[in-house]
Structure formats: structure tokens, C-alpha cells
Amino acid sequence: IGKAMKLGLCLFLVLGIASVKAQDDDDVEVFDVDEIVEDEDEYEVGPAADVETAFMFPDYPDKKLELGEIIKVLFLVDNRGEMGYNVTHVFASLRSPYDYNYYIQNFSIMPIGLLVPPGHQASFEYLFKPDVTLEPTEFWLTTEVLYNSSADRTYKTAVFNGTVELVEKNAEVDVRRFLKYMFILAVLGAGGYYAFNLSSPKKSKSGQSKNTTAKSEVEEEPLDLRKQARAQDGSVVQRAVRRKTSKKKKGGK
């Protein structure tokens, strides 16, 4: 966009020369541009050679348009010729980014009726609202302007013809992210609780086996002591018997 056209758009933001608003979704028309032109011989598919146009998304300079929100587009028509032009209509449509001939959503065609004398500029705005049920992804947006020359010829200019990204409103995105995180935390918590319940019986069994082993060791220790005591008692008895026997033998001699 040239400096003069940028200046014209900036002045429009302050002055607001004209305003055109698309109808609500329930009232959107499926339009045919050819029905507007009475004589096909006087209809030029392309723009006039001495007319330049520019556009601006003042609220969405990054072309990321919010679903379900009213989108404002500013148009500037610069007449550099020697005859006047009458801007008659403006319209827009969303199309598939893969097939330009496949329409996703048609917005209302709106009358303008704005005369642009030779050597002058005119600015106006067009409002439309993408359907909130559309998928948040890239679409092809086409915004076109119809205008007549003083020689009764009709021209059409695609002021904007390119891809835009439709995004969800920030509040909806935040809520969805919150719910997503809560769901993840709930799943992790349930998984941790289930794993803990599975591991708890194993621990109790291992604890019981340890206690059983300890008890058996405690029970085995008295048996060993009893055997040792019995062995010691037996050796003492044998010694006493031997002493008595030796004494009897000595007495007998």
C-alpha cells in the first residue's frame, strides 16, 4: 500500500466516511454478482486500469480472525483517472483453501452508493461475522467491490483475496485448556491411586514373610539352646558315672 493510501485509511479511522454492515447469519444471502449487472457487455471482470484499492483489518492486523465475532474490513478506493466512479456494492465470502470454487460461507452483498470523483479517494468499512461452528483453521477470504464508471461500465476488484486464519475466542480457548488440564490431572490421579492399591498387598505379604522368618528364627534359637543344654547335661552325667566307677574299682582293690 502506498503512503497516500495508508494516509487515507488512517483518516478513515478518525472520520468514518461510510459504514456497511453484513446481515446476521440467518439473513445471509446466496448472491450472484451477474444479477447486479444489467448488461453483460458493460461488465468488466477485472478492475479499472485507473483505480487502485487497499484494505485493512484494524482489529486483526495478523489476519487471525475470531469465530463468531464481527470482523471489520476497511476499504480504500483511489481514483487516479479522469472520470468518476460510483462504488455500488461490496461483498465477501469464505472458500476452501484447497478448492477456490468451493464456498464455505457467503456473506451479504451490501449496497454502497459512494461516488469517487477523478483524483479523489473514498474509504468505507464492511462488517461480517464468520460462523462460530466453523473449524478453527485457515480459509480463503475474498472481499470484492463493484463500481461503475461515468461511461456506464461496471468493474469488479478483489480488494483482498488470500488466506486468513479463523481462531477461537481467547476466553473459550482458556476454558478448554483448563478443562483439558483438569482431565489430565484426574486421569493421572486415578492411575496413581490404582497403582498404589495394586502395590499395597505385595508389601503386606512381604512384611508377613519377614515376620514369619523372624518368628521361626526365634523359635529355632530355644531348640538349639535346649540341645546344647542336654548335651552338656549328658556329658556331666557321664563324667559323674565315670568317677563313681573309678572309685569303686579303687575300693575293691
Protein backbone atom coordinates (compact mmCIF):
# COMPACT_ATOMS: atom_id res chain seq x y z
CA ILE A 1 0.00 0.00 0.00
CA GLY A 2 1.34 3.45 -0.93
CA LYS A 3 1.82 6.25 1.57
CA ALA A 4 -1.19 8.15 0.24
CA MET A 5 -3.45 5.13 0.55
CA LYS A 6 -2.16 4.42 4.06
CA LEU A 7 -2.93 8.02 4.97
CA GLY A 8 -6.41 7.65 3.54
CA LEU A 9 -7.10 4.56 5.65
CA CYS A 10 -5.79 6.31 8.77
CA LEU A 11 -8.06 9.29 8.12
CA PHE A 12 -10.96 6.88 7.74
CA LEU A 13 -10.30 5.52 11.21
CA VAL A 14 -10.76 9.03 12.57
CA LEU A 15 -13.55 10.35 10.35
CA GLY A 16 -15.51 7.22 9.40
CA ILE A 17 -16.61 8.18 5.89
CA ALA A 18 -19.01 5.29 5.29
CA SER A 19 -20.12 2.14 7.04
CA VAL A 20 -21.57 -1.07 5.67
CA LYS A 21 -22.56 -3.98 7.92
CA ALA A 22 -23.22 -7.52 6.81
CA GLN A 23 -26.50 -9.03 7.88
CA ASP A 24 -26.81 -11.67 10.59
CA ASP A 25 -26.19 -15.30 9.75
CA ASP A 26 -29.92 -16.03 9.42
CA ASP A 27 -30.30 -13.30 6.80
CA VAL A 28 -27.21 -14.04 4.72
CA GLU A 29 -27.97 -14.15 1.02
CA VAL A 30 -26.57 -16.51 -1.55
CA PHE A 31 -25.78 -13.93 -4.19
CA ASP A 32 -24.91 -13.86 -7.84
CA VAL A 33 -22.90 -10.85 -8.95
CA ASP A 34 -24.10 -11.24 -12.52
CA GLU A 35 -27.64 -10.47 -11.37
CA ILE A 36 -26.50 -6.99 -10.34
CA VAL A 37 -25.20 -6.14 -13.80
CA GLU A 38 -28.00 -5.48 -16.27
CA ASP A 39 -25.92 -5.60 -19.44
CA GLU A 40 -23.15 -8.21 -19.63
CA ASP A 41 -21.43 -6.27 -22.41
CA GLU A 42 -20.83 -3.42 -19.97
CA TYR A 43 -19.40 -5.67 -17.27
CA GLU A 44 -15.63 -5.97 -16.81
CA VAL A 45 -14.44 -8.97 -14.81
CA GLY A 46 -11.34 -7.18 -13.58
CA PRO A 47 -10.62 -3.78 -12.06
CA ALA A 48 -10.48 -0.48 -13.89
CA ALA A 49 -6.99 0.47 -15.02
CA ASP A 50 -7.06 3.85 -13.28
CA VAL A 51 -8.50 2.64 -9.94
CA GLU A 52 -6.41 1.31 -7.07
CA THR A 53 -7.72 -0.27 -3.90
CA ALA A 54 -6.40 -1.13 -0.47
CA PHE A 55 -7.70 -2.89 2.62
CA MET A 56 -7.01 -3.16 6.36
CA PHE A 57 -8.15 -5.34 9.25
CA PRO A 58 -7.85 -2.73 12.04
CA ASP A 59 -8.69 -5.17 14.85
CA TYR A 60 -6.84 -8.16 13.40
CA PRO A 61 -3.65 -6.97 11.67
CA ASP A 62 -2.23 -10.53 11.81
CA LYS A 63 -5.28 -11.81 9.86
CA LYS A 64 -6.23 -14.18 12.69
CA LEU A 65 -10.00 -13.64 12.76
CA GLU A 66 -12.11 -14.77 15.71
CA LEU A 67 -15.00 -17.11 15.10
CA GLY A 68 -18.41 -15.71 15.95
CA GLU A 69 -17.09 -12.15 16.18
CA ILE A 70 -17.91 -9.19 13.92
CA ILE A 71 -14.90 -8.55 11.68
CA LYS A 72 -14.30 -5.06 10.33
CA VAL A 73 -12.59 -4.55 6.97
CA LEU A 74 -11.60 -1.07 5.81
CA PHE A 75 -11.53 -0.39 2.06
CA LEU A 76 -9.92 2.46 0.20
CA VAL A 77 -10.71 3.30 -3.43
CA ASP A 78 -8.27 5.63 -5.16
CA ASN A 79 -9.50 7.14 -8.44
CA ARG A 80 -6.48 8.19 -10.48
CA GLY A 81 -8.37 8.56 -13.74
CA GLU A 82 -10.16 11.39 -15.48
CA MET A 83 -13.71 10.18 -14.95
CA GLY A 84 -15.71 9.44 -11.85
CA TYR A 85 -16.56 6.05 -10.38
CA ASN A 86 -19.55 5.09 -8.30
CA VAL A 87 -18.90 2.29 -5.78
CA THR A 88 -22.14 0.32 -5.83
CA HIS A 89 -21.67 -2.91 -3.84
CA VAL A 90 -19.26 -4.76 -1.59
CA PHE A 91 -19.36 -8.42 -0.57
CA ALA A 92 -17.19 -11.19 0.83
CA SER A 93 -17.02 -14.96 1.01
CA LEU A 94 -15.06 -17.72 2.71
CA ARG A 95 -13.81 -20.51 0.48
CA SER A 96 -11.90 -23.71 0.84
CA PRO A 97 -8.13 -23.19 0.82
CA TYR A 98 -7.85 -26.32 -1.34
CA ASP A 99 -10.61 -25.52 -3.86
CA TYR A 100 -11.31 -21.87 -4.61
CA ASN A 101 -14.64 -22.73 -6.25
CA TYR A 102 -15.93 -24.40 -3.08
CA TYR A 103 -17.80 -21.85 -0.93
CA ILE A 104 -17.72 -22.29 2.86
CA GLN A 105 -19.74 -19.22 3.84
CA ASN A 106 -21.23 -16.38 1.79
CA PHE A 107 -21.64 -13.01 3.45
CA SER A 108 -24.21 -10.41 2.47
CA ILE A 109 -23.78 -8.28 -0.60
CA MET A 110 -24.37 -4.72 0.53
CA PRO A 111 -25.09 -1.54 -1.44
CA ILE A 112 -22.67 1.35 -1.04
CA GLY A 113 -23.62 4.18 -3.43
CA LEU A 114 -20.40 6.14 -2.92
CA LEU A 115 -19.16 8.47 -5.72
CA VAL A 116 -15.38 8.86 -6.14
CA PRO A 117 -14.56 11.88 -8.36
CA PRO A 118 -11.42 11.94 -10.52
CA GLY A 119 -8.26 12.42 -8.45
CA HIS A 120 -10.03 11.60 -5.18
CA GLN A 121 -10.15 8.77 -2.66
CA ALA A 122 -13.03 7.24 -0.75
CA SER A 123 -12.99 4.90 2.23
CA PHE A 124 -15.68 2.68 3.72
CA GLU A 125 -15.97 -0.30 6.04
CA TYR A 126 -17.59 -3.68 5.66
CA LEU A 127 -18.55 -5.88 8.62
CA PHE A 128 -19.04 -9.63 8.53
CA LYS A 129 -19.12 -12.47 11.05
CA PRO A 130 -17.58 -15.93 10.48
CA ASP A 131 -19.82 -18.75 11.63
CA VAL A 132 -18.87 -19.85 15.15
CA THR A 133 -19.33 -23.51 14.18
CA LEU A 134 -16.56 -23.43 11.58
CA GLU A 135 -13.35 -25.31 12.22
CA PRO A 136 -10.57 -23.07 13.59
CA THR A 137 -8.16 -23.33 10.67
CA GLU A 138 -7.11 -21.46 7.52
CA PHE A 139 -9.66 -20.40 4.91
CA TRP A 140 -9.55 -18.39 1.73
CA LEU A 141 -11.25 -15.00 2.13
CA THR A 142 -12.32 -12.94 -0.86
CA THR A 143 -13.64 -9.39 -0.47
CA GLU A 144 -14.77 -7.69 -3.69
CA VAL A 145 -16.01 -4.27 -4.69
CA LEU A 146 -18.28 -3.44 -7.62
CA TYR A 147 -18.20 0.06 -9.13
CA ASN A 148 -19.47 1.85 -12.20
CA SER A 149 -17.71 4.40 -14.34
CA SER A 150 -19.31 7.55 -15.69
CA ALA A 151 -19.27 5.76 -19.05
CA ASP A 152 -21.73 3.20 -17.62
CA ARG A 153 -19.26 0.33 -17.40
CA THR A 154 -19.18 -1.94 -14.34
CA TYR A 155 -15.94 -3.21 -12.82
CA LYS A 156 -15.11 -5.64 -10.07
CA THR A 157 -11.98 -5.58 -7.90
CA ALA A 158 -10.92 -8.23 -5.43
CA VAL A 159 -9.63 -5.90 -2.74
CA PHE A 160 -8.49 -8.81 -0.58
CA ASN A 161 -8.04 -12.30 -1.95
CA GLY A 162 -5.94 -14.51 0.29
CA THR A 163 -5.82 -16.86 3.25
CA VAL A 164 -6.85 -15.92 6.76
CA GLU A 165 -6.80 -18.00 9.93
CA LEU A 166 -10.00 -18.42 11.87
CA VAL A 167 -9.34 -18.83 15.59
CA GLU A 168 -11.45 -19.35 18.68
CA LYS A 169 -12.08 -16.55 21.15
CA ASN A 170 -9.47 -16.25 23.88
CA ALA A 171 -11.96 -16.93 26.67
CA GLU A 172 -13.14 -20.16 25.01
CA VAL A 173 -9.55 -21.26 24.46
CA ASP A 174 -8.68 -20.65 28.13
CA VAL A 175 -11.71 -22.62 29.33
CA ARG A 176 -10.93 -25.53 27.05
CA ARG A 177 -7.31 -25.58 28.16
CA PHE A 178 -8.39 -25.55 31.81
CA LEU A 179 -10.79 -28.45 31.27
CA LYS A 180 -8.12 -30.33 29.35
CA TYR A 181 -5.59 -29.91 32.16
CA MET A 182 -8.16 -30.94 34.78
CA PHE A 183 -8.95 -34.07 32.79
CA ILE A 184 -5.26 -34.96 32.55
CA LEU A 185 -4.79 -34.44 36.28
CA ALA A 186 -7.84 -36.60 37.03
CA VAL A 187 -6.51 -39.42 34.84
CA LEU A 188 -3.07 -39.24 36.44
CA GLY A 189 -4.61 -39.21 39.93
CA ALA A 190 -6.79 -42.22 39.17
CA GLY A 191 -3.82 -44.08 37.70
CA GLY A 192 -1.66 -43.32 40.73
CA TYR A 193 -4.37 -44.46 43.13
CA TYR A 194 -4.87 -47.69 41.19
CA ALA A 195 -1.12 -48.38 41.13
CA PHE A 196 -0.89 -47.73 44.88
CA ASN A 197 -3.70 -50.19 45.60
CA LEU A 198 -2.00 -52.83 43.48
CA SER A 199 1.34 -52.42 45.24
CA SER A 200 -0.06 -52.35 48.81
CA PRO A 201 -0.93 -56.13 49.12
CA LYS A 202 2.52 -57.09 47.89
CA LYS A 203 4.13 -55.07 50.61
CA SER A 204 1.94 -56.65 53.30
CA LYS A 205 2.77 -60.14 52.05
CA SER A 206 6.48 -59.41 52.10
CA GLY A 207 6.09 -57.99 55.58
CA GLN A 208 4.28 -61.13 56.73
CA SER A 209 7.00 -63.36 55.28
CA LYS A 210 9.65 -61.35 57.08
CA ASN A 211 7.76 -61.65 60.36
CA THR A 212 7.31 -65.40 59.85
CA THR A 213 11.03 -65.82 59.20
CA ALA A 214 11.87 -63.82 62.29
CA LYS A 215 9.50 -65.92 64.39
CA SER A 216 10.96 -69.16 63.08
CA GLU A 217 14.43 -67.93 63.90
CA VAL A 218 13.28 -67.02 67.40
CA GLU A 219 11.63 -70.42 67.79
CA GLU A 220 14.71 -72.21 66.44
CA GLU A 221 17.04 -70.48 68.88
CA PRO A 222 15.49 -72.11 72.07
CA LEU A 223 15.68 -75.55 70.42
CA ASP A 224 19.36 -75.10 69.80
CA LEU A 225 19.89 -73.96 73.34
CA ARG A 226 17.95 -76.96 74.67
CA LYS A 227 20.05 -79.35 72.62
CA GLN A 228 23.23 -77.73 73.87
CA ALA A 229 21.95 -77.90 77.46
CA ARG A 230 21.01 -81.55 77.06
CA ALA A 231 24.37 -82.32 75.56
CA GLN A 232 26.09 -80.55 78.42
CA ASP A 233 23.91 -82.39 80.99
CA GLY A 234 24.74 -85.70 79.36
CA SER A 235 28.43 -85.03 79.44
CA VAL A 236 28.18 -84.07 83.12
CA VAL A 237 26.27 -87.27 83.95
CA GLN A 238 28.78 -89.36 82.05
CA ARG A 239 31.61 -87.74 83.96
CA ALA A 240 29.89 -88.41 87.28
CA VAL A 241 29.31 -92.05 86.35
CA ARG A 242 32.91 -92.45 85.36
CA ARG A 243 34.09 -91.00 88.67
CA LYS A 244 31.86 -93.35 90.67
CA THR A 245 33.07 -96.33 88.68
CA SER A 246 36.71 -95.41 89.18
CA LYS A 247 36.16 -95.01 92.93
CA LYS A 248 34.51 -98.47 93.22
CA LYS A 249 37.38 -100.01 91.39
CA LYS A 250 39.90 -98.42 93.75
CA GLY A 251 37.92 -99.55 96.83
CA GLY A 252 37.69 -103.11 95.55
CA LYS A 253 41.44 -103.32 95.27
